[in-house]
Amino acid sequence: MMWKIIFTYPDGVKVKLTNSSIPMDKRLANKYYDIYGYNSDGGIFQQYPKKKYRPMAMATVVDILNAGGNLEKEILIDADD
């Protein structure tokens, strides 16, 4: 389950974090948002494959996971609402 987070800073610099072995969880989301998110655009989280999952603001990912929600259900494009 591969995912990527892209943080963009005011000077145009981008930080890209990717992982294909550890699923995004509450600990990782908070860690990366605390380190990279505050001085950037806040970051965009994308799980792969892209055609199956919609991109989401990293702040929203953090909120969902901190509330105990199911991130995969929230970003799944074909999810039944």
C-alpha atoms as a PDB file:
ATOM      1  CA  MET A   1       0.000   0.000   0.000  1.00  0.00           C
ATOM      2  CA  MET A   2       2.062   2.911  -1.270  1.00  0.00           C
ATOM      3  CA  TRP A   3       1.405   6.494  -0.286  1.00  0.00           C
ATOM      4  CA  LYS A   4       2.981   9.890  -0.908  1.00  0.00           C
ATOM      5  CA  ILE A   5       2.784  13.253   0.863  1.00  0.00           C
ATOM      6  CA  ILE A   6       3.909  16.447  -0.854  1.00  0.00           C
ATOM      7  CA  PHE A   7       4.506  19.604   1.179  1.00  0.00           C
ATOM      8  CA  THR A   8       5.090  22.820  -0.811  1.00  0.00           C
ATOM      9  CA  TYR A   9       6.734  25.843   0.806  1.00  0.00           C
ATOM     10  CA  PRO A  10       6.298  29.553  -0.043  1.00  0.00           C
ATOM     11  CA  ASP A  11       9.678  29.672  -1.814  1.00  0.00           C
ATOM     12  CA  GLY A  12       8.603  26.833  -4.123  1.00  0.00           C
ATOM     13  CA  VAL A  13      10.607  24.082  -2.432  1.00  0.00           C
ATOM     14  CA  LYS A  14       8.796  20.736  -2.223  1.00  0.00           C
ATOM     15  CA  VAL A  15       9.317  17.915   0.251  1.00  0.00           C
ATOM     16  CA  LYS A  16       8.054  14.518  -0.901  1.00  0.00           C
ATOM     17  CA  LEU A  17       7.638  11.630   1.517  1.00  0.00           C
ATOM     18  CA  THR A  18       6.832   8.169   0.161  1.00  0.00           C
ATOM     19  CA  ASN A  19       6.451   4.745   1.675  1.00  0.00           C
ATOM     20  CA  SER A  20       5.388   1.390   0.316  1.00  0.00           C
ATOM     21  CA  SER A  21       5.802  -0.788   3.399  1.00  0.00           C
ATOM     22  CA  ILE A  22       4.151   1.026   6.330  1.00  0.00           C
ATOM     23  CA  PRO A  23       0.487   2.102   6.103  1.00  0.00           C
ATOM     24  CA  MET A  24      -0.332   5.659   7.132  1.00  0.00           C
ATOM     25  CA  ASP A  25      -1.367   5.688  10.772  1.00  0.00           C
ATOM     26  CA  LYS A  26      -2.065   8.256  13.481  1.00  0.00           C
ATOM     27  CA  ARG A  27       1.555   8.328  14.699  1.00  0.00           C
ATOM     28  CA  LEU A  28       3.062   8.889  11.243  1.00  0.00           C
ATOM     29  CA  ALA A  29       0.438  11.436  10.206  1.00  0.00           C
ATOM     30  CA  ASN A  30       1.018  13.546  13.305  1.00  0.00           C
ATOM     31  CA  LYS A  31       4.806  13.220  13.074  1.00  0.00           C
ATOM     32  CA  TYR A  32       5.032  14.308   9.440  1.00  0.00           C
ATOM     33  CA  TYR A  33       2.459  17.079   9.827  1.00  0.00           C
ATOM     34  CA  ASP A  34       4.281  18.446  12.895  1.00  0.00           C
ATOM     35  CA  ILE A  35       7.666  18.374  11.144  1.00  0.00           C
ATOM     36  CA  TYR A  36       6.727  19.564   7.646  1.00  0.00           C
ATOM     37  CA  GLY A  37       3.175  20.898   7.643  1.00  0.00           C
ATOM     38  CA  TYR A  38       3.127  24.137   9.591  1.00  0.00           C
ATOM     39  CA  ASN A  39       5.387  26.284   7.400  1.00  0.00           C
ATOM     40  CA  SER A  40       4.161  24.762   4.140  1.00  0.00           C
ATOM     41  CA  ASP A  41       0.869  24.577   2.259  1.00  0.00           C
ATOM     42  CA  GLY A  42      -0.156  21.894   4.763  1.00  0.00           C
ATOM     43  CA  GLY A  43       0.587  18.998   2.450  1.00  0.00           C
ATOM     44  CA  ILE A  44      -1.381  16.699   0.189  1.00  0.00           C
ATOM     45  CA  PHE A  45      -1.694  12.988   0.962  1.00  0.00           C
ATOM     46  CA  GLN A  46      -2.124  10.513  -1.902  1.00  0.00           C
ATOM     47  CA  GLN A  47      -2.516   6.771  -1.540  1.00  0.00           C
ATOM     48  CA  TYR A  48      -1.882   4.576  -4.565  1.00  0.00           C
ATOM     49  CA  PRO A  49      -3.186   3.562  -7.019  1.00  0.00           C
ATOM     50  CA  LYS A  50      -4.349   7.092  -7.828  1.00  0.00           C
ATOM     51  CA  LYS A  51      -7.422   5.949  -9.740  1.00  0.00           C
ATOM     52  CA  LYS A  52      -8.671   4.137  -6.618  1.00  0.00           C
ATOM     53  CA  TYR A  53      -7.943   6.846  -3.995  1.00  0.00           C
ATOM     54  CA  ARG A  54      -8.570  10.595  -4.029  1.00  0.00           C
ATOM     55  CA  PRO A  55      -5.903  13.040  -2.767  1.00  0.00           C
ATOM     56  CA  MET A  56      -6.644  14.726   0.549  1.00  0.00           C
ATOM     57  CA  ALA A  57      -5.219  17.620   2.563  1.00  0.00           C
ATOM     58  CA  MET A  58      -2.813  16.310   5.183  1.00  0.00           C
ATOM     59  CA  ALA A  59      -4.607  18.279   7.926  1.00  0.00           C
ATOM     60  CA  THR A  60      -7.778  16.326   7.105  1.00  0.00           C
ATOM     61  CA  VAL A  61      -5.859  13.026   7.205  1.00  0.00           C
ATOM     62  CA  VAL A  62      -4.536  13.949  10.669  1.00  0.00           C
ATOM     63  CA  ASP A  63      -8.053  14.878  11.853  1.00  0.00           C
ATOM     64  CA  ILE A  64      -9.558  11.606  10.576  1.00  0.00           C
ATOM     65  CA  LEU A  65      -6.883   9.441  12.174  1.00  0.00           C
ATOM     66  CA  ASN A  66      -6.882  11.373  15.476  1.00  0.00           C
ATOM     67  CA  ALA A  67     -10.655  10.879  15.679  1.00  0.00           C
ATOM     68  CA  GLY A  68     -10.240   7.124  15.166  1.00  0.00           C
ATOM     69  CA  GLY A  69     -11.724   7.200  11.666  1.00  0.00           C
ATOM     70  CA  ASN A  70     -11.034   4.870   8.759  1.00  0.00           C
ATOM     71  CA  LEU A  71      -8.730   6.743   6.374  1.00  0.00           C
ATOM     72  CA  GLU A  72      -9.059   4.239   3.554  1.00  0.00           C
ATOM     73  CA  LYS A  73     -12.860   4.508   3.599  1.00  0.00           C
ATOM     74  CA  GLU A  74     -12.623   8.317   3.482  1.00  0.00           C
ATOM     75  CA  ILE A  75     -10.275   8.459   0.474  1.00  0.00           C
ATOM     76  CA  LEU A  76     -11.623   5.514  -1.516  1.00  0.00           C
ATOM     77  CA  ILE A  77     -13.178   6.855  -4.722  1.00  0.00           C
ATOM     78  CA  ASP A  78     -15.683   3.998  -5.082  1.00  0.00           C
ATOM     79  CA  ALA A  79     -16.768   4.099  -1.435  1.00  0.00           C
ATOM     80  CA  ASP A  80     -20.505   3.895  -0.818  1.00  0.00           C
ATOM     81  CA  ASP A  81     -21.605   6.906   1.216  1.00  0.00           C
END
